Amino acid sequence: MNKSKLIEQIAADTGMKKTVVKAVINSFIENATEAFQEGDQVVFQGFGTLLPWQQTERPARNPQTGEAVMIKPRMSVKFRAGSDLLKALNK
């Protein structure tokens, strides 16, 4: 499911206008991004946790040339599924 389909589905489920749902989702994305930049995690009780983490520098290989390169360290985000989500997936 992509962002536009999610907006449509939430609007249909709640009866809210798509423009309002879109504004809420965009606000969530902006606020979550700010939280990750500050090193905070975003928690949805029962659903899961989004955690920022620092990837270390590591060796890799260019698939076209076979040349060895180093991938620079960077920040990324991990998702850890919550217990309710895992139960729903494994019925």
C-alpha atoms as a PDB file:
ATOM      1  CA  MET A   1       0.000   0.000   0.000  1.00  0.00           C
ATOM      2  CA  ASN A   2       1.377   3.385  -0.945  1.00  0.00           C
ATOM      3  CA  LYS A   3       0.694   6.780   0.634  1.00  0.00           C
ATOM      4  CA  SER A   4      -2.211   7.752  -1.647  1.00  0.00           C
ATOM      5  CA  LYS A   5      -3.977   4.414  -1.131  1.00  0.00           C
ATOM      6  CA  LEU A   6      -3.480   4.735   2.628  1.00  0.00           C
ATOM      7  CA  ILE A   7      -5.035   8.216   2.522  1.00  0.00           C
ATOM      8  CA  GLU A   8      -8.016   6.895   0.542  1.00  0.00           C
ATOM      9  CA  GLN A   9      -8.526   3.968   2.924  1.00  0.00           C
ATOM     10  CA  ILE A  10      -8.326   6.084   6.079  1.00  0.00           C
ATOM     11  CA  ALA A  11     -10.713   8.648   4.562  1.00  0.00           C
ATOM     12  CA  ALA A  12     -13.175   5.866   3.703  1.00  0.00           C
ATOM     13  CA  ASP A  13     -12.880   4.270   7.172  1.00  0.00           C
ATOM     14  CA  THR A  14     -13.294   7.507   9.120  1.00  0.00           C
ATOM     15  CA  GLY A  15     -15.497   9.622   6.866  1.00  0.00           C
ATOM     16  CA  MET A  16     -12.886  12.392   6.927  1.00  0.00           C
ATOM     17  CA  LYS A  17     -11.983  14.366   3.802  1.00  0.00           C
ATOM     18  CA  LYS A  18      -8.904  13.165   1.927  1.00  0.00           C
ATOM     19  CA  THR A  19      -7.280  16.597   2.285  1.00  0.00           C
ATOM     20  CA  VAL A  20      -7.567  16.391   6.077  1.00  0.00           C
ATOM     21  CA  VAL A  21      -6.179  12.834   6.169  1.00  0.00           C
ATOM     22  CA  LYS A  22      -3.327  13.869   3.868  1.00  0.00           C
ATOM     23  CA  ALA A  23      -2.465  16.786   6.183  1.00  0.00           C
ATOM     24  CA  VAL A  24      -2.448  14.461   9.204  1.00  0.00           C
ATOM     25  CA  ILE A  25      -0.187  11.911   7.497  1.00  0.00           C
ATOM     26  CA  ASN A  26       2.191  14.631   6.265  1.00  0.00           C
ATOM     27  CA  SER A  27       2.323  16.056   9.799  1.00  0.00           C
ATOM     28  CA  PHE A  28       3.117  12.601  11.172  1.00  0.00           C
ATOM     29  CA  ILE A  29       5.961  12.171   8.675  1.00  0.00           C
ATOM     30  CA  GLU A  30       7.433  15.578   9.515  1.00  0.00           C
ATOM     31  CA  ASN A  31       7.204  15.025  13.267  1.00  0.00           C
ATOM     32  CA  ALA A  32       8.610  11.488  13.078  1.00  0.00           C
ATOM     33  CA  THR A  33      11.510  12.749  10.954  1.00  0.00           C
ATOM     34  CA  GLU A  34      12.277  15.444  13.531  1.00  0.00           C
ATOM     35  CA  ALA A  35      12.149  12.847  16.322  1.00  0.00           C
ATOM     36  CA  PHE A  36      14.607  10.591  14.439  1.00  0.00           C
ATOM     37  CA  GLN A  37      16.954  13.529  13.850  1.00  0.00           C
ATOM     38  CA  GLU A  38      16.977  14.109  17.622  1.00  0.00           C
ATOM     39  CA  GLY A  39      17.678  10.416  18.262  1.00  0.00           C
ATOM     40  CA  ASP A  40      14.186   9.647  19.594  1.00  0.00           C
ATOM     41  CA  GLN A  41      12.128   6.601  18.709  1.00  0.00           C
ATOM     42  CA  VAL A  42       8.488   6.575  17.566  1.00  0.00           C
ATOM     43  CA  VAL A  43       6.337   4.030  19.418  1.00  0.00           C
ATOM     44  CA  PHE A  44       2.885   2.715  18.484  1.00  0.00           C
ATOM     45  CA  GLN A  45       1.856   0.568  21.446  1.00  0.00           C
ATOM     46  CA  GLY A  46       1.019  -2.947  20.198  1.00  0.00           C
ATOM     47  CA  PHE A  47       1.899  -2.132  16.569  1.00  0.00           C
ATOM     48  CA  GLY A  48       5.619  -1.463  16.669  1.00  0.00           C
ATOM     49  CA  THR A  49       8.536   0.867  17.227  1.00  0.00           C
ATOM     50  CA  LEU A  50      10.551   2.876  14.716  1.00  0.00           C
ATOM     51  CA  LEU A  51      14.134   3.273  15.929  1.00  0.00           C
ATOM     52  CA  PRO A  52      16.887   5.475  14.479  1.00  0.00           C
ATOM     53  CA  TRP A  53      20.277   3.762  14.301  1.00  0.00           C
ATOM     54  CA  GLN A  54      23.745   4.557  13.061  1.00  0.00           C
ATOM     55  CA  GLN A  55      25.020   2.320  10.272  1.00  0.00           C
ATOM     56  CA  THR A  56      28.774   1.923  10.373  1.00  0.00           C
ATOM     57  CA  GLU A  57      31.149   2.265   7.461  1.00  0.00           C
ATOM     58  CA  ARG A  58      31.427  -1.025   5.601  1.00  0.00           C
ATOM     59  CA  PRO A  59      33.043  -2.464   2.480  1.00  0.00           C
ATOM     60  CA  ALA A  60      30.951  -3.193  -0.603  1.00  0.00           C
ATOM     61  CA  ARG A  61      31.492  -3.940  -4.262  1.00  0.00           C
ATOM     62  CA  ASN A  62      30.330  -2.000  -7.330  1.00  0.00           C
ATOM     63  CA  PRO A  63      28.206  -4.574  -9.226  1.00  0.00           C
ATOM     64  CA  GLN A  64      29.048  -3.095 -12.655  1.00  0.00           C
ATOM     65  CA  THR A  65      32.824  -2.877 -12.304  1.00  0.00           C
ATOM     66  CA  GLY A  66      33.541  -5.225  -9.404  1.00  0.00           C
ATOM     67  CA  GLU A  67      35.543  -2.423  -7.776  1.00  0.00           C
ATOM     68  CA  ALA A  68      35.719  -2.458  -3.970  1.00  0.00           C
ATOM     69  CA  VAL A  69      34.217   0.654  -2.367  1.00  0.00           C
ATOM     70  CA  MET A  70      33.474   1.795   1.165  1.00  0.00           C
ATOM     71  CA  ILE A  71      29.921   2.757   2.066  1.00  0.00           C
ATOM     72  CA  LYS A  72      29.955   5.834   4.303  1.00  0.00           C
ATOM     73  CA  PRO A  73      28.383   5.697   7.774  1.00  0.00           C
ATOM     74  CA  ARG A  74      24.826   7.023   7.878  1.00  0.00           C
ATOM     75  CA  MET A  75      21.677   7.187   9.954  1.00  0.00           C
ATOM     76  CA  SER A  76      18.839   4.808   9.143  1.00  0.00           C
ATOM     77  CA  VAL A  77      15.598   3.575  10.727  1.00  0.00           C
ATOM     78  CA  LYS A  78      14.662   0.086  11.928  1.00  0.00           C
ATOM     79  CA  PHE A  79      11.157  -1.215  12.622  1.00  0.00           C
ATOM     80  CA  ARG A  80      10.526  -3.587  15.501  1.00  0.00           C
ATOM     81  CA  ALA A  81       7.066  -5.177  15.329  1.00  0.00           C
ATOM     82  CA  GLY A  82       4.842  -5.057  18.405  1.00  0.00           C
ATOM     83  CA  SER A  83       3.107  -8.013  20.029  1.00  0.00           C
ATOM     84  CA  ASP A  84      -0.390  -7.224  18.666  1.00  0.00           C
ATOM     85  CA  LEU A  85       0.918  -6.958  15.108  1.00  0.00           C
ATOM     86  CA  LEU A  86       2.831 -10.224  15.412  1.00  0.00           C
ATOM     87  CA  LYS A  87      -0.245 -11.980  16.797  1.00  0.00           C
ATOM     88  CA  ALA A  88      -2.383 -10.690  13.903  1.00  0.00           C
ATOM     89  CA  LEU A  89       0.188 -11.831  11.344  1.00  0.00           C
ATOM     90  CA  ASN A  90       0.538 -15.319  12.851  1.00  0.00           C
ATOM     91  CA  LYS A  91      -3.084 -16.341  13.364  1.00  0.00           C
END
